[in-house]
């Protein structure tokens, strides 16, 4: 049964999509069966994998609303060894339409649960908000959430709001919701700021911060414009090595017995 992780932070620009596609692609390189779910109406994960969403007939929206079948919507990318449920322009209206639907917070969970036996990992890329789409992503996170945190002080301000949201979901909707880990992004080892932010985040989330971190990287910023994960676009770059380290740390923590010496 697949591990389902949701990448979440209501603040934009912290590396949610970057983490979703690059962690997913790296897990695929290690031989795992990976499905990435683009739950963001901006469709950045879809575009970052070279998919032109205006050419798609259906995506995440149709699955959540109930008018599409997963078998007809999931895209398989043999080069990157991952699969994708893409986002289309239709997803922009989902927040409003979900309000009147039954079990509106659990629509994505019901879509993904039957797919778990087909994959080892399902990674959900959430929009930069705490609306109904993100709520669906959180309740679908059977094995926890991964929170990317940018290494700047303003990024810390929203963590309290996010943890309160997670607590409310535990109390009212999904008691099993956990934090799998906190990932520091845009880390600059040359500055005291990054080290200070790391210390603060470790205080806020004791024993939950990944040892590996994602550095500031021009190559990471460039890769989406070429429709490639960093492990394909620039495999020797610092960003590629960082996501390799994160993938290994995640796999070891999850108890996967695979050859990590590759």
Protein backbone atom coordinates (compact mmCIF):
# COMPACT_ATOMS: atom_id res chain seq x y z
CA UNK A 1 0.00 0.00 0.00
CA UNK A 2 1.36 3.38 -1.02
CA UNK A 3 2.64 5.90 1.47
CA UNK A 4 0.61 9.07 0.89
CA UNK A 5 2.34 12.34 1.75
CA UNK A 6 0.97 15.83 1.22
CA UNK A 7 3.38 18.72 0.64
CA UNK A 8 1.80 21.70 2.36
CA UNK A 9 2.47 25.28 3.44
CA UNK A 10 -0.01 28.09 2.93
CA UNK A 11 2.86 30.45 2.12
CA UNK A 12 3.77 30.61 -1.54
CA UNK A 13 7.28 30.32 -2.93
CA UNK A 14 8.64 27.98 -0.26
CA UNK A 15 9.34 25.01 -2.53
CA UNK A 16 6.19 22.87 -2.38
CA UNK A 17 6.05 22.10 -6.08
CA UNK A 18 9.83 21.87 -6.37
CA UNK A 19 9.80 19.30 -3.59
CA UNK A 20 6.84 17.36 -4.99
CA UNK A 21 8.31 16.82 -8.44
CA UNK A 22 11.96 16.41 -7.49
CA UNK A 23 11.39 14.14 -4.52
CA UNK A 24 8.92 12.11 -6.59
CA UNK A 25 11.32 11.82 -9.52
CA UNK A 26 14.15 10.73 -7.24
CA UNK A 27 12.01 8.07 -5.61
CA UNK A 28 11.17 6.86 -9.10
CA UNK A 29 14.87 6.59 -9.91
CA UNK A 30 15.28 4.35 -6.88
CA UNK A 31 12.76 1.98 -8.41
CA UNK A 32 9.65 3.01 -6.47
CA UNK A 33 6.27 3.39 -8.14
CA UNK A 34 5.36 7.05 -7.68
CA UNK A 35 2.20 9.04 -8.36
CA UNK A 36 2.25 12.84 -8.11
CA UNK A 37 -1.09 14.60 -7.63
CA UNK A 38 -1.25 18.23 -8.78
CA UNK A 39 -3.86 19.81 -6.51
CA UNK A 40 -2.90 23.40 -7.36
CA UNK A 41 -5.04 25.33 -9.89
CA UNK A 42 -1.84 27.03 -11.06
CA UNK A 43 -0.72 23.60 -12.33
CA UNK A 44 2.95 24.26 -11.66
CA UNK A 45 3.73 20.60 -10.97
CA UNK A 46 2.04 19.66 -14.24
CA UNK A 47 4.00 22.24 -16.21
CA UNK A 48 7.25 21.41 -14.42
CA UNK A 49 7.02 17.87 -15.79
CA UNK A 50 6.60 19.12 -19.34
CA UNK A 51 2.84 18.60 -19.62
CA UNK A 52 0.83 21.28 -21.45
CA UNK A 53 -2.33 21.52 -19.41
CA UNK A 54 -4.32 23.33 -22.13
CA UNK A 55 -4.08 20.11 -24.16
CA UNK A 56 -5.64 18.01 -21.39
CA UNK A 57 -9.28 17.00 -21.32
CA UNK A 58 -9.42 16.13 -17.63
CA UNK A 59 -7.40 16.17 -14.44
CA UNK A 60 -7.65 16.52 -10.67
CA UNK A 61 -10.85 18.54 -10.90
CA UNK A 62 -12.80 15.81 -12.67
CA UNK A 63 -11.64 13.21 -10.15
CA UNK A 64 -12.65 15.31 -7.15
CA UNK A 65 -16.00 16.35 -8.60
CA UNK A 66 -16.69 12.78 -9.68
CA UNK A 67 -16.96 13.13 -13.45
CA UNK A 68 -13.70 11.40 -14.41
CA UNK A 69 -11.96 8.06 -13.98
CA UNK A 70 -8.43 7.76 -12.64
CA UNK A 71 -7.52 5.14 -15.24
CA UNK A 72 -8.29 7.65 -18.01
CA UNK A 73 -6.67 10.68 -16.37
CA UNK A 74 -3.37 9.45 -14.89
CA UNK A 75 -0.41 10.23 -17.14
CA UNK A 76 2.61 7.93 -17.14
CA UNK A 77 6.06 9.40 -17.73
CA UNK A 78 8.44 6.51 -18.52
CA UNK A 79 11.48 8.79 -18.83
CA UNK A 80 11.09 10.18 -15.33
CA UNK A 81 9.64 6.89 -13.99
CA UNK A 82 6.66 8.59 -12.36
CA UNK A 83 2.93 9.03 -12.94
CA UNK A 84 0.93 12.24 -12.66
CA UNK A 85 -2.64 13.31 -12.01
CA UNK A 86 -2.42 16.69 -13.74
CA UNK A 87 -4.14 19.95 -12.93
CA UNK A 88 -6.22 21.74 -15.55
CA UNK A 89 -7.84 25.17 -15.70
CA UNK A 90 -11.08 23.58 -14.46
CA UNK A 91 -9.59 23.19 -10.98
CA UNK A 92 -9.83 26.96 -10.48
CA UNK A 93 -13.55 26.63 -9.78
CA UNK A 94 -13.32 23.65 -7.48
CA UNK A 95 -13.21 25.65 -4.23
CA UNK A 96 -16.70 27.02 -4.93
CA UNK A 97 -18.21 23.83 -6.33
CA UNK A 98 -16.95 21.68 -3.46
CA UNK A 99 -18.98 23.69 -0.94
CA UNK A 100 -22.26 22.05 -1.97
CA UNK A 101 -20.94 18.51 -2.45
CA UNK A 102 -21.36 15.75 0.17
CA UNK A 103 -18.21 14.87 2.12
CA UNK A 104 -16.52 17.83 0.46
CA UNK A 105 -13.36 17.48 2.58
CA UNK A 106 -12.83 13.80 1.71
CA UNK A 107 -13.29 13.77 -2.06
CA UNK A 108 -9.58 13.36 -2.82
CA UNK A 109 -9.12 10.70 -0.15
CA UNK A 110 -11.85 8.61 -1.79
CA UNK A 111 -10.14 8.96 -5.16
CA UNK A 112 -6.67 8.00 -3.93
CA UNK A 113 -7.42 5.17 -1.51
CA UNK A 114 -8.27 2.67 -4.29
CA UNK A 115 -4.99 3.58 -6.03
CA UNK A 116 -2.74 2.83 -3.07
CA UNK A 117 -2.06 -0.76 -4.05
CA UNK A 118 -0.74 0.39 -7.44
CA UNK A 119 2.02 2.63 -6.05
CA UNK A 120 4.70 2.84 -3.39
CA UNK A 121 4.37 6.60 -2.93
CA UNK A 122 1.63 9.12 -3.66
CA UNK A 123 2.76 12.74 -3.31
CA UNK A 124 0.18 15.54 -3.26
CA UNK A 125 1.21 19.07 -4.23
CA UNK A 126 -1.10 21.58 -2.53
CA UNK A 127 -1.91 25.19 -3.46
CA UNK A 128 -0.55 28.07 -1.33
CA UNK A 129 -3.70 28.43 0.77
CA UNK A 130 -5.68 26.69 3.49
CA UNK A 131 -8.91 26.35 1.50
CA UNK A 132 -10.99 23.31 0.57
CA UNK A 133 -8.47 21.98 -1.93
CA UNK A 134 -5.69 21.97 0.65
CA UNK A 135 -8.10 20.52 3.20
CA UNK A 136 -8.75 17.65 0.78
CA UNK A 137 -5.00 17.18 0.41
CA UNK A 138 -4.49 17.06 4.17
CA UNK A 139 -7.24 14.53 4.81
CA UNK A 140 -5.87 12.36 2.01
CA UNK A 141 -2.43 12.35 3.68
CA UNK A 142 -2.63 8.84 5.14
CA UNK A 143 1.03 8.88 6.19
CA UNK A 144 1.57 12.51 7.08
CA UNK A 145 2.45 15.92 5.72
CA UNK A 146 5.80 17.29 4.65
CA UNK A 147 6.18 21.01 5.31
CA UNK A 148 8.75 22.96 3.26
CA UNK A 149 9.98 26.03 5.12
CA UNK A 150 11.98 28.74 3.39
CA UNK A 151 15.00 29.88 5.37
CA UNK A 152 13.86 33.40 6.14
CA UNK A 153 12.16 34.85 9.21
CA UNK A 154 8.91 35.77 7.45
CA UNK A 155 8.44 32.10 6.57
CA UNK A 156 8.23 31.28 10.27
CA UNK A 157 5.22 33.51 10.86
CA UNK A 158 2.77 31.22 9.09
CA UNK A 159 3.84 28.04 10.85
CA UNK A 160 1.65 28.76 13.86
CA UNK A 161 -1.42 29.13 11.64
CA UNK A 162 -0.58 25.93 9.80
CA UNK A 163 -0.12 23.89 12.96
CA UNK A 164 -3.43 25.23 14.31
CA UNK A 165 -5.12 24.11 11.09
CA UNK A 166 -3.57 20.66 11.40
CA UNK A 167 -4.77 20.45 15.00
CA UNK A 168 -8.34 21.40 14.04
CA UNK A 169 -8.35 18.74 11.35
CA UNK A 170 -7.16 16.15 13.87
CA UNK A 171 -9.90 17.14 16.28
CA UNK A 172 -12.78 17.30 13.82
CA UNK A 173 -12.05 15.32 10.67
CA UNK A 174 -8.94 13.14 10.61
CA UNK A 175 -7.42 12.21 13.99
CA UNK A 176 -4.60 10.25 12.32
CA UNK A 177 -3.10 13.30 10.60
CA UNK A 178 0.60 13.60 11.42
CA UNK A 179 3.63 15.62 10.38
CA UNK A 180 6.11 13.36 8.58
CA UNK A 181 8.80 16.00 8.45
CA UNK A 182 9.78 19.62 7.98
CA UNK A 183 12.08 20.41 5.07
CA UNK A 184 14.27 23.50 5.05
CA UNK A 185 14.46 25.07 1.60
CA UNK A 186 16.55 27.86 0.04
CA UNK A 187 19.18 27.24 2.71
CA UNK A 188 22.32 29.37 2.41
CA UNK A 189 25.11 28.01 4.56
CA UNK A 190 27.12 31.21 4.15
CA UNK A 191 24.69 33.23 6.25
CA UNK A 192 23.76 33.24 9.90
CA UNK A 193 20.12 33.69 8.92
CA UNK A 194 19.71 30.17 7.56
CA UNK A 195 21.34 28.66 10.65
CA UNK A 196 19.13 30.78 12.91
CA UNK A 197 15.97 29.78 11.04
CA UNK A 198 16.98 26.13 11.25
CA UNK A 199 17.39 26.45 15.03
CA UNK A 200 13.98 28.11 15.37
CA UNK A 201 12.26 25.50 13.24
CA UNK A 202 13.86 22.72 15.28
CA UNK A 203 12.45 24.33 18.42
CA UNK A 204 9.01 24.59 16.80
CA UNK A 205 9.09 21.02 15.44
CA UNK A 206 11.44 19.00 17.68
CA UNK A 207 12.66 15.76 16.08
CA UNK A 208 10.71 16.44 12.89
CA UNK A 209 13.19 18.44 10.79
CA UNK A 210 14.91 16.53 7.99
CA UNK A 211 18.68 16.34 8.40
CA UNK A 212 19.16 17.12 4.71
CA UNK A 213 18.12 20.53 3.40
CA UNK A 214 17.58 22.16 0.02
CA UNK A 215 20.08 24.89 -0.88
CA UNK A 216 19.49 27.98 -2.96
CA UNK A 217 20.14 26.82 -6.49
CA UNK A 218 19.91 28.47 -9.89
CA UNK A 219 19.62 25.04 -11.50
CA UNK A 220 16.58 24.19 -9.38
CA UNK A 221 14.92 27.40 -10.55
CA UNK A 222 15.75 26.69 -14.18
CA UNK A 223 14.65 23.06 -14.38
CA UNK A 224 10.84 23.64 -14.51
CA UNK A 225 11.15 25.84 -17.59
CA UNK A 226 12.63 22.83 -19.39
CA UNK A 227 9.90 20.50 -18.07
CA UNK A 228 12.43 18.36 -16.20
CA UNK A 229 13.11 17.33 -12.61
CA UNK A 230 16.49 18.47 -11.34
CA UNK A 231 17.87 14.90 -11.37
CA UNK A 232 17.49 14.90 -15.16
CA UNK A 233 18.20 18.54 -15.93
CA UNK A 234 21.34 18.93 -13.81
CA UNK A 235 22.13 15.64 -12.02
CA UNK A 236 25.43 16.87 -10.57
CA UNK A 237 24.05 20.13 -9.20
CA UNK A 238 23.71 20.90 -5.50
CA UNK A 239 19.92 20.81 -5.83
CA UNK A 240 19.95 17.33 -7.36
CA UNK A 241 22.26 16.05 -4.64
CA UNK A 242 20.03 17.61 -1.97
CA UNK A 243 16.89 15.86 -3.22
CA UNK A 244 18.83 12.64 -3.51
CA UNK A 245 19.70 13.00 0.19
CA UNK A 246 16.09 13.79 1.12
CA UNK A 247 14.79 10.78 -0.81
CA UNK A 248 17.29 8.49 0.94
CA UNK A 249 16.37 9.90 4.34
CA UNK A 250 12.68 9.42 3.64
CA UNK A 251 13.12 5.86 2.37
CA UNK A 252 15.23 4.81 5.32
CA UNK A 253 12.72 6.31 7.73
CA UNK A 254 9.88 4.52 5.96
CA UNK A 255 11.66 1.19 6.16
CA UNK A 256 12.14 0.52 2.46
CA UNK A 257 14.82 -2.06 1.84
CA UNK A 258 16.26 -1.04 -1.51
CA UNK A 259 19.74 -0.47 -2.88
CA UNK A 260 20.56 3.10 -1.84
CA UNK A 261 24.17 2.79 -2.92
CA UNK A 262 23.29 3.64 -6.52
